[in-house]
Amino acid sequence: MISNGLGIQAMRAGLKAHMKKLCALMLMAICQFAWTQTPAPMQDPAAIRHAVEEFLQQQSAGQPGEIQISMGQIDNRLSLQTCNDLTPFLPKGSKPWGKITMGVRCTTPSAWTIYISANVQVTGDYYVAASAISQGQAIIATDLRKVRGNLASLPTGVVTDPSQAVGRTMTMSIASGTLLRMDNLRSAPVVQQGQSVRVTSRGTGFQVSTDALALNNASEGQIVKARTASGQVLSGIAKAGGLVEVTY
């Protein structure tokens, strides 16, 4: 009986030790699983906004005015893994000013793309007609009136400096206060049809000049045709002062 009692106690002690060991192993496994399942760090929304703002500052750097950028909020329900290289981009066909939607792309360590609204204002000076201007009328400084506002809300090609308009002619009649645009202005002709011009022909090792009669109007840099006294018709580049350059 004593022998059997001692045997049972030994078995119980062995089982207890085995259970302790098994529990220890299970605890280690649970801890290891929990460690491997630790979520990756989440992307800081402030870093995304900073990357977008920096991108828009660079894209708008050539605008003639003060740049002001405001952005919408990033949805705080998004779970984005921290990105090693945030890449802002404009959707195809978008311009980097006005009310726009910006994209931000990540490729590593995980791939994701989000979109954020932004408003880029460019505050600067532009010019409108100080009074009515007729078609063909040459622009002088007093024809212009300076206005200050958001250039981003205006059509492309607005006149932002008087030198862009003074000396040019209108291709259409406009009323007082009308926005001046470059595509409605034409450079004044430096050569007019019927005008006597001086044609200079240049080539390798020679230069010849002769008088001729202009056959069409041309602004500086445009092609003009001229007929010499012998009846020969030459084509060259119109220059200020009634000059025509022909290069061979």
C-alpha atoms as a PDB file:
ATOM      1  CA  MET A   1       0.000   0.000   0.000  1.00  0.00           C
ATOM      2  CA  ILE A   2       2.808   2.409   0.834  1.00  0.00           C
ATOM      3  CA  SER A   3       4.511   1.615  -2.452  1.00  0.00           C
ATOM      4  CA  ASN A   4       1.353   2.257  -4.420  1.00  0.00           C
ATOM      5  CA  GLY A   5       0.786   5.568  -2.572  1.00  0.00           C
ATOM      6  CA  LEU A   6       4.282   6.752  -3.353  1.00  0.00           C
ATOM      7  CA  GLY A   7       3.823   5.824  -7.002  1.00  0.00           C
ATOM      8  CA  ILE A   8       0.613   7.837  -7.268  1.00  0.00           C
ATOM      9  CA  GLN A   9       2.250  10.864  -5.646  1.00  0.00           C
ATOM     10  CA  ALA A  10       5.163  10.639  -8.082  1.00  0.00           C
ATOM     11  CA  MET A  11       2.781  10.454 -11.023  1.00  0.00           C
ATOM     12  CA  ARG A  12       0.900  13.482  -9.729  1.00  0.00           C
ATOM     13  CA  ALA A  13       4.127  15.422  -9.268  1.00  0.00           C
ATOM     14  CA  GLY A  14       5.269  14.513 -12.770  1.00  0.00           C
ATOM     15  CA  LEU A  15       1.934  15.512 -14.284  1.00  0.00           C
ATOM     16  CA  LYS A  16       2.009  18.802 -12.418  1.00  0.00           C
ATOM     17  CA  ALA A  17       5.513  19.573 -13.675  1.00  0.00           C
ATOM     18  CA  HIS A  18       4.477  18.629 -17.217  1.00  0.00           C
ATOM     19  CA  MET A  19       1.463  20.942 -17.024  1.00  0.00           C
ATOM     20  CA  LYS A  20       3.648  23.806 -15.815  1.00  0.00           C
ATOM     21  CA  LYS A  21       6.013  23.261 -18.697  1.00  0.00           C
ATOM     22  CA  LEU A  22       3.110  23.073 -21.144  1.00  0.00           C
ATOM     23  CA  CYS A  23       1.631  26.310 -19.794  1.00  0.00           C
ATOM     24  CA  ALA A  24       4.990  28.028 -20.088  1.00  0.00           C
ATOM     25  CA  LEU A  25       5.290  26.925 -23.721  1.00  0.00           C
ATOM     26  CA  MET A  26       1.746  28.084 -24.479  1.00  0.00           C
ATOM     27  CA  LEU A  27       2.431  31.453 -22.865  1.00  0.00           C
ATOM     28  CA  MET A  28       5.563  31.897 -24.996  1.00  0.00           C
ATOM     29  CA  ALA A  29       3.619  31.025 -28.141  1.00  0.00           C
ATOM     30  CA  ILE A  30       0.869  33.499 -27.278  1.00  0.00           C
ATOM     31  CA  CYS A  31       3.426  36.248 -26.630  1.00  0.00           C
ATOM     32  CA  GLN A  32       5.254  35.499 -29.887  1.00  0.00           C
ATOM     33  CA  PHE A  33       1.953  35.589 -31.845  1.00  0.00           C
ATOM     34  CA  ALA A  34       0.984  38.887 -30.239  1.00  0.00           C
ATOM     35  CA  TRP A  35       4.393  40.342 -31.100  1.00  0.00           C
ATOM     36  CA  THR A  36       4.141  39.293 -34.754  1.00  0.00           C
ATOM     37  CA  GLN A  37       0.610  40.727 -34.955  1.00  0.00           C
ATOM     38  CA  THR A  38       1.593  44.205 -33.729  1.00  0.00           C
ATOM     39  CA  PRO A  39       0.011  46.652 -36.235  1.00  0.00           C
ATOM     40  CA  ALA A  40       2.332  48.673 -38.491  1.00  0.00           C
ATOM     41  CA  PRO A  41       2.670  52.372 -37.616  1.00  0.00           C
ATOM     42  CA  MET A  42       0.006  54.545 -39.230  1.00  0.00           C
ATOM     43  CA  GLN A  43       0.723  57.435 -41.612  1.00  0.00           C
ATOM     44  CA  ASP A  44       0.652  60.889 -40.032  1.00  0.00           C
ATOM     45  CA  PRO A  45      -1.971  63.007 -41.898  1.00  0.00           C
ATOM     46  CA  ALA A  46       0.108  66.142 -41.242  1.00  0.00           C
ATOM     47  CA  ALA A  47       2.944  64.668 -43.328  1.00  0.00           C
ATOM     48  CA  ILE A  48       0.545  64.097 -46.233  1.00  0.00           C
ATOM     49  CA  ARG A  49      -0.711  67.683 -46.064  1.00  0.00           C
ATOM     50  CA  HIS A  50       2.845  69.007 -45.910  1.00  0.00           C
ATOM     51  CA  ALA A  51       3.859  66.988 -48.995  1.00  0.00           C
ATOM     52  CA  VAL A  52       0.837  68.281 -50.947  1.00  0.00           C
ATOM     53  CA  GLU A  53       1.453  71.896 -49.925  1.00  0.00           C
ATOM     54  CA  GLU A  54       5.132  71.685 -50.897  1.00  0.00           C
ATOM     55  CA  PHE A  55       4.193  70.193 -54.282  1.00  0.00           C
ATOM     56  CA  LEU A  56       1.658  72.946 -54.993  1.00  0.00           C
ATOM     57  CA  GLN A  57       4.126  75.650 -53.960  1.00  0.00           C
ATOM     58  CA  GLN A  58       6.600  74.306 -56.521  1.00  0.00           C
ATOM     59  CA  GLN A  59       3.952  74.015 -59.247  1.00  0.00           C
ATOM     60  CA  SER A  60       2.704  77.576 -58.662  1.00  0.00           C
ATOM     61  CA  ALA A  61       6.140  79.177 -58.326  1.00  0.00           C
ATOM     62  CA  GLY A  62       5.951  80.803 -61.771  1.00  0.00           C
ATOM     63  CA  GLN A  63       2.661  82.578 -61.127  1.00  0.00           C
ATOM     64  CA  PRO A  64       2.890  86.415 -60.930  1.00  0.00           C
ATOM     65  CA  GLY A  65       1.397  86.905 -57.470  1.00  0.00           C
ATOM     66  CA  GLU A  66       1.128  85.786 -53.869  1.00  0.00           C
ATOM     67  CA  ILE A  67       0.343  82.092 -53.428  1.00  0.00           C
ATOM     68  CA  GLN A  68      -2.169  80.998 -50.769  1.00  0.00           C
ATOM     69  CA  ILE A  69      -2.885  77.279 -50.331  1.00  0.00           C
ATOM     70  CA  SER A  70      -5.642  75.728 -48.255  1.00  0.00           C
ATOM     71  CA  MET A  71      -6.487  72.034 -48.058  1.00  0.00           C
ATOM     72  CA  GLY A  72      -9.431  69.914 -47.022  1.00  0.00           C
ATOM     73  CA  GLN A  73      -9.361  67.394 -44.202  1.00  0.00           C
ATOM     74  CA  ILE A  74      -8.124  63.821 -44.613  1.00  0.00           C
ATOM     75  CA  ASP A  75     -10.696  61.214 -43.586  1.00  0.00           C
ATOM     76  CA  ASN A  76      -9.598  60.072 -40.112  1.00  0.00           C
ATOM     77  CA  ARG A  77     -11.250  56.707 -40.704  1.00  0.00           C
ATOM     78  CA  LEU A  78      -8.533  55.783 -43.191  1.00  0.00           C
ATOM     79  CA  SER A  79      -5.916  53.344 -41.908  1.00  0.00           C
ATOM     80  CA  LEU A  80      -2.835  54.063 -43.986  1.00  0.00           C
ATOM     81  CA  GLN A  81       0.504  52.454 -43.261  1.00  0.00           C
ATOM     82  CA  THR A  82       3.397  54.862 -42.891  1.00  0.00           C
ATOM     83  CA  CYS A  83       4.892  55.605 -46.321  1.00  0.00           C
ATOM     84  CA  ASN A  84       8.603  55.802 -47.039  1.00  0.00           C
ATOM     85  CA  ASP A  85       8.142  58.142 -50.008  1.00  0.00           C
ATOM     86  CA  LEU A  86       4.948  60.176 -50.377  1.00  0.00           C
ATOM     87  CA  THR A  87       4.337  61.155 -54.021  1.00  0.00           C
ATOM     88  CA  PRO A  88       1.766  63.928 -54.628  1.00  0.00           C
ATOM     89  CA  PHE A  89       0.339  64.200 -58.156  1.00  0.00           C
ATOM     90  CA  LEU A  90      -2.270  66.086 -60.137  1.00  0.00           C
ATOM     91  CA  PRO A  91      -4.924  64.025 -61.908  1.00  0.00           C
ATOM     92  CA  LYS A  92      -4.599  64.162 -65.691  1.00  0.00           C
ATOM     93  CA  GLY A  93      -5.855  67.424 -67.162  1.00  0.00           C
ATOM     94  CA  SER A  94      -5.797  69.319 -63.847  1.00  0.00           C
ATOM     95  CA  LYS A  95      -4.069  72.668 -63.263  1.00  0.00           C
ATOM     96  CA  PRO A  96      -2.168  73.482 -60.061  1.00  0.00           C
ATOM     97  CA  TRP A  97      -4.387  76.424 -59.103  1.00  0.00           C
ATOM     98  CA  GLY A  98      -7.984  77.148 -58.250  1.00  0.00           C
ATOM     99  CA  LYS A  99     -10.196  74.520 -56.592  1.00  0.00           C
ATOM    100  CA  ILE A 100      -8.565  71.185 -57.343  1.00  0.00           C
ATOM    101  CA  THR A 101      -8.301  67.578 -56.184  1.00  0.00           C
ATOM    102  CA  MET A 102      -4.799  66.355 -55.397  1.00  0.00           C
ATOM    103  CA  GLY A 103      -3.669  62.745 -55.312  1.00  0.00           C
ATOM    104  CA  VAL A 104      -1.045  61.254 -52.996  1.00  0.00           C
ATOM    105  CA  ARG A 105       0.466  57.889 -53.891  1.00  0.00           C
ATOM    106  CA  CYS A 106       2.535  55.458 -51.815  1.00  0.00           C
ATOM    107  CA  THR A 107       4.360  52.391 -53.158  1.00  0.00           C
ATOM    108  CA  THR A 108       6.492  51.235 -50.211  1.00  0.00           C
ATOM    109  CA  PRO A 109       6.250  49.509 -47.820  1.00  0.00           C
ATOM    110  CA  SER A 110       2.584  49.146 -48.867  1.00  0.00           C
ATOM    111  CA  ALA A 111       0.730  50.548 -51.861  1.00  0.00           C
ATOM    112  CA  TRP A 112      -2.096  53.034 -51.359  1.00  0.00           C
ATOM    113  CA  THR A 113      -3.507  56.166 -53.018  1.00  0.00           C
ATOM    114  CA  ILE A 114      -5.740  58.848 -51.540  1.00  0.00           C
ATOM    115  CA  TYR A 115      -7.198  62.140 -52.782  1.00  0.00           C
ATOM    116  CA  ILE A 116      -7.475  65.447 -50.964  1.00  0.00           C
ATOM    117  CA  SER A 117      -9.187  68.682 -51.976  1.00  0.00           C
ATOM    118  CA  ALA A 118      -7.173  71.897 -52.183  1.00  0.00           C
ATOM    119  CA  ASN A 119      -7.693  75.523 -53.110  1.00  0.00           C
ATOM    120  CA  VAL A 120      -4.774  77.478 -54.571  1.00  0.00           C
ATOM    121  CA  GLN A 121      -5.286  81.227 -54.807  1.00  0.00           C
ATOM    122  CA  VAL A 122      -2.841  83.472 -56.670  1.00  0.00           C
ATOM    123  CA  THR A 123      -3.404  87.087 -55.633  1.00  0.00           C
ATOM    124  CA  GLY A 124      -1.864  89.555 -58.069  1.00  0.00           C
ATOM    125  CA  ASP A 125      -2.409  92.443 -60.471  1.00  0.00           C
ATOM    126  CA  TYR A 126      -4.084  92.167 -63.858  1.00  0.00           C
ATOM    127  CA  TYR A 127      -5.398  94.711 -66.369  1.00  0.00           C
ATOM    128  CA  VAL A 128      -8.758  95.600 -67.867  1.00  0.00           C
ATOM    129  CA  ALA A 129      -9.762  98.194 -70.447  1.00  0.00           C
ATOM    130  CA  ALA A 130      -9.943 101.671 -68.865  1.00  0.00           C
ATOM    131  CA  SER A 131     -12.384 102.674 -71.621  1.00  0.00           C
ATOM    132  CA  ALA A 132     -13.894 101.153 -74.763  1.00  0.00           C
ATOM    133  CA  ILE A 133     -11.247  99.978 -77.265  1.00  0.00           C
ATOM    134  CA  SER A 134     -12.003  99.493 -80.956  1.00  0.00           C
ATOM    135  CA  GLN A 135     -10.816  96.659 -83.164  1.00  0.00           C
ATOM    136  CA  GLY A 136      -7.449  97.527 -84.697  1.00  0.00           C
ATOM    137  CA  GLN A 137      -6.761 100.247 -82.135  1.00  0.00           C
ATOM    138  CA  ALA A 138      -3.184 100.426 -80.856  1.00  0.00           C
ATOM    139  CA  ILE A 139      -3.002 100.126 -77.060  1.00  0.00           C
ATOM    140  CA  ILE A 140      -1.404 102.920 -75.048  1.00  0.00           C
ATOM    141  CA  ALA A 141      -0.779 103.039 -71.287  1.00  0.00           C
ATOM    142  CA  THR A 142      -3.887 105.126 -70.537  1.00  0.00           C
ATOM    143  CA  ASP A 143      -6.076 102.405 -72.106  1.00  0.00           C
ATOM    144  CA  LEU A 144      -5.206 100.104 -69.195  1.00  0.00           C
ATOM    145  CA  ARG A 145      -6.625  99.962 -65.665  1.00  0.00           C
ATOM    146  CA  LYS A 146      -4.959  97.839 -62.974  1.00  0.00           C
ATOM    147  CA  VAL A 147      -7.083  95.473 -60.874  1.00  0.00           C
ATOM    148  CA  ARG A 148      -5.979  93.210 -58.010  1.00  0.00           C
ATOM    149  CA  GLY A 149      -7.597  89.844 -57.457  1.00  0.00           C
ATOM    150  CA  ASN A 150      -7.322  86.077 -57.602  1.00  0.00           C
ATOM    151  CA  LEU A 151      -5.526  85.232 -60.859  1.00  0.00           C
ATOM    152  CA  ALA A 152      -6.350  81.550 -60.403  1.00  0.00           C
ATOM    153  CA  SER A 153     -10.040  82.294 -61.048  1.00  0.00           C
ATOM    154  CA  LEU A 154      -9.333  84.076 -64.354  1.00  0.00           C
ATOM    155  CA  PRO A 155      -8.859  82.607 -67.859  1.00  0.00           C
ATOM    156  CA  THR A 156      -5.338  81.789 -68.974  1.00  0.00           C
ATOM    157  CA  GLY A 157      -3.364  84.452 -70.827  1.00  0.00           C
ATOM    158  CA  VAL A 158      -4.611  87.490 -68.905  1.00  0.00           C
ATOM    159  CA  VAL A 159      -2.460  90.617 -69.143  1.00  0.00           C
ATOM    160  CA  THR A 160      -0.520  90.974 -65.879  1.00  0.00           C
ATOM    161  CA  ASP A 161       2.015  93.571 -67.018  1.00  0.00           C
ATOM    162  CA  PRO A 162       1.441  96.716 -69.143  1.00  0.00           C
ATOM    163  CA  SER A 163       4.361  95.787 -71.423  1.00  0.00           C
ATOM    164  CA  GLN A 164       2.347  92.783 -72.608  1.00  0.00           C
ATOM    165  CA  ALA A 165      -0.288  95.079 -74.141  1.00  0.00           C
ATOM    166  CA  VAL A 166       1.138  98.543 -74.873  1.00  0.00           C
ATOM    167  CA  GLY A 167       2.004  98.913 -78.557  1.00  0.00           C
ATOM    168  CA  ARG A 168      -0.208  96.000 -79.641  1.00  0.00           C
ATOM    169  CA  THR A 169      -3.555  96.260 -81.407  1.00  0.00           C
ATOM    170  CA  MET A 170      -6.922  94.758 -80.521  1.00  0.00           C
ATOM    171  CA  THR A 171      -8.272  91.957 -82.679  1.00  0.00           C
ATOM    172  CA  MET A 172     -11.821  92.823 -81.526  1.00  0.00           C
ATOM    173  CA  SER A 173     -13.735  95.721 -79.985  1.00  0.00           C
ATOM    174  CA  ILE A 174     -14.213  95.576 -76.207  1.00  0.00           C
ATOM    175  CA  ALA A 175     -16.124  97.628 -73.658  1.00  0.00           C
ATOM    176  CA  SER A 176     -14.710  99.496 -70.674  1.00  0.00           C
ATOM    177  CA  GLY A 177     -13.796  97.155 -67.810  1.00  0.00           C
ATOM    178  CA  THR A 178     -13.306  94.126 -70.087  1.00  0.00           C
ATOM    179  CA  LEU A 179     -10.502  91.777 -69.094  1.00  0.00           C
ATOM    180  CA  LEU A 180      -7.487  92.084 -71.417  1.00  0.00           C
ATOM    181  CA  ARG A 181      -6.193  88.772 -72.746  1.00  0.00           C
ATOM    182  CA  MET A 182      -3.101  88.049 -74.780  1.00  0.00           C
ATOM    183  CA  ASP A 183      -5.045  86.111 -77.388  1.00  0.00           C
ATOM    184  CA  ASN A 184      -7.071  89.269 -78.174  1.00  0.00           C
ATOM    185  CA  LEU A 185      -3.948  91.331 -78.845  1.00  0.00           C
ATOM    186  CA  ARG A 186      -1.789  91.443 -81.943  1.00  0.00           C
ATOM    187  CA  SER A 187       1.673  92.926 -82.298  1.00  0.00           C
ATOM    188  CA  ALA A 188       1.700  96.156 -84.286  1.00  0.00           C
ATOM    189  CA  PRO A 189       3.106  95.667 -87.804  1.00  0.00           C
ATOM    190  CA  VAL A 190       6.679  96.803 -88.296  1.00  0.00           C
ATOM    191  CA  VAL A 191       6.207  96.487 -92.069  1.00  0.00           C
ATOM    192  CA  GLN A 192       3.050  97.574 -93.892  1.00  0.00           C
ATOM    193  CA  GLN A 193       1.825  96.678 -97.354  1.00  0.00           C
ATOM    194  CA  GLY A 194       3.092  99.139 -99.963  1.00  0.00           C
ATOM    195  CA  GLN A 195       5.917 100.365 -97.702  1.00  0.00           C
ATOM    196  CA  SER A 196       9.443 100.746 -99.034  1.00  0.00           C
ATOM    197  CA  VAL A 197      11.703  98.301 -97.199  1.00  0.00           C
ATOM    198  CA  ARG A 198      15.372  97.452 -97.159  1.00  0.00           C
ATOM    199  CA  VAL A 199      15.975  93.765 -97.932  1.00  0.00           C
ATOM    200  CA  THR A 200      19.244  92.243 -96.750  1.00  0.00           C
ATOM    201  CA  SER A 201      20.162  88.799 -98.104  1.00  0.00           C
ATOM    202  CA  ARG A 202      22.795  86.826 -96.210  1.00  0.00           C
ATOM    203  CA  GLY A 203      24.550  83.580 -97.003  1.00  0.00           C
ATOM    204  CA  THR A 204      27.908  81.894 -96.577  1.00  0.00           C
ATOM    205  CA  GLY A 205      30.512  84.527 -97.433  1.00  0.00           C
ATOM    206  CA  PHE A 206      28.154  87.164 -98.843  1.00  0.00           C
ATOM    207  CA  GLN A 207      25.633  89.878 -97.916  1.00  0.00           C
ATOM    208  CA  VAL A 208      23.565  91.870-100.405  1.00  0.00           C
ATOM    209  CA  SER A 209      21.099  94.687 -99.710  1.00  0.00           C
ATOM    210  CA  THR A 210      18.478  96.158-101.995  1.00  0.00           C
ATOM    211  CA  ASP A 211      15.355  98.277-101.857  1.00  0.00           C
ATOM    212  CA  ALA A 212      11.952  96.649-102.342  1.00  0.00           C
ATOM    213  CA  LEU A 213       8.222  97.154-101.867  1.00  0.00           C
ATOM    214  CA  ALA A 214       6.405  95.233 -99.125  1.00  0.00           C
ATOM    215  CA  LEU A 215       3.524  93.100-100.388  1.00  0.00           C
ATOM    216  CA  ASN A 216       1.858  92.445 -96.996  1.00  0.00           C
ATOM    217  CA  ASN A 217       1.694  93.633 -93.399  1.00  0.00           C
ATOM    218  CA  ALA A 218       3.908  91.833 -90.904  1.00  0.00           C
ATOM    219  CA  SER A 219       4.740  92.128 -87.211  1.00  0.00           C
ATOM    220  CA  GLU A 220       8.318  91.724 -86.057  1.00  0.00           C
ATOM    221  CA  GLY A 221       9.472  88.163 -86.616  1.00  0.00           C
ATOM    222  CA  GLN A 222       6.739  87.347 -89.126  1.00  0.00           C
ATOM    223  CA  ILE A 223       7.240  86.473 -92.792  1.00  0.00           C
ATOM    224  CA  VAL A 224       6.910  89.353 -95.247  1.00  0.00           C
ATOM    225  CA  LYS A 225       7.108  89.278 -99.043  1.00  0.00           C
ATOM    226  CA  ALA A 226       8.728  92.119-100.949  1.00  0.00           C
ATOM    227  CA  ARG A 227       9.151  92.868-104.689  1.00  0.00           C
ATOM    228  CA  THR A 228      12.438  94.365-105.901  1.00  0.00           C
ATOM    229  CA  ALA A 229      12.754  96.906-108.751  1.00  0.00           C
ATOM    230  CA  SER A 230      13.615  94.043-111.120  1.00  0.00           C
ATOM    231  CA  GLY A 231      10.328  92.309-110.285  1.00  0.00           C
ATOM    232  CA  GLN A 232      11.817  89.531-108.125  1.00  0.00           C
ATOM    233  CA  VAL A 233       9.715  88.570-105.093  1.00  0.00           C
ATOM    234  CA  LEU A 234      11.654  87.740-101.919  1.00  0.00           C
ATOM    235  CA  SER A 235      10.409  86.327 -98.598  1.00  0.00           C
ATOM    236  CA  GLY A 236      12.133  87.266 -95.353  1.00  0.00           C
ATOM    237  CA  ILE A 237      11.731  88.070 -91.676  1.00  0.00           C
ATOM    238  CA  ALA A 238      10.234  91.470 -90.821  1.00  0.00           C
ATOM    239  CA  LYS A 239      12.341  93.639 -88.517  1.00  0.00           C
ATOM    240  CA  ALA A 240      11.704  97.006 -86.894  1.00  0.00           C
ATOM    241  CA  GLY A 241      12.596 100.032 -88.985  1.00  0.00           C
ATOM    242  CA  GLY A 242      11.301  98.629 -92.291  1.00  0.00           C
ATOM    243  CA  LEU A 243      13.975  95.954 -92.584  1.00  0.00           C
ATOM    244  CA  VAL A 244      13.590  92.494 -94.111  1.00  0.00           C
ATOM    245  CA  GLU A 245      16.185  89.775 -93.541  1.00  0.00           C
ATOM    246  CA  VAL A 246      16.590  86.930 -96.032  1.00  0.00           C
ATOM    247  CA  THR A 247      18.879  84.072 -95.038  1.00  0.00           C
ATOM    248  CA  TYR A 248      20.168  81.439 -97.460  1.00  0.00           C
END
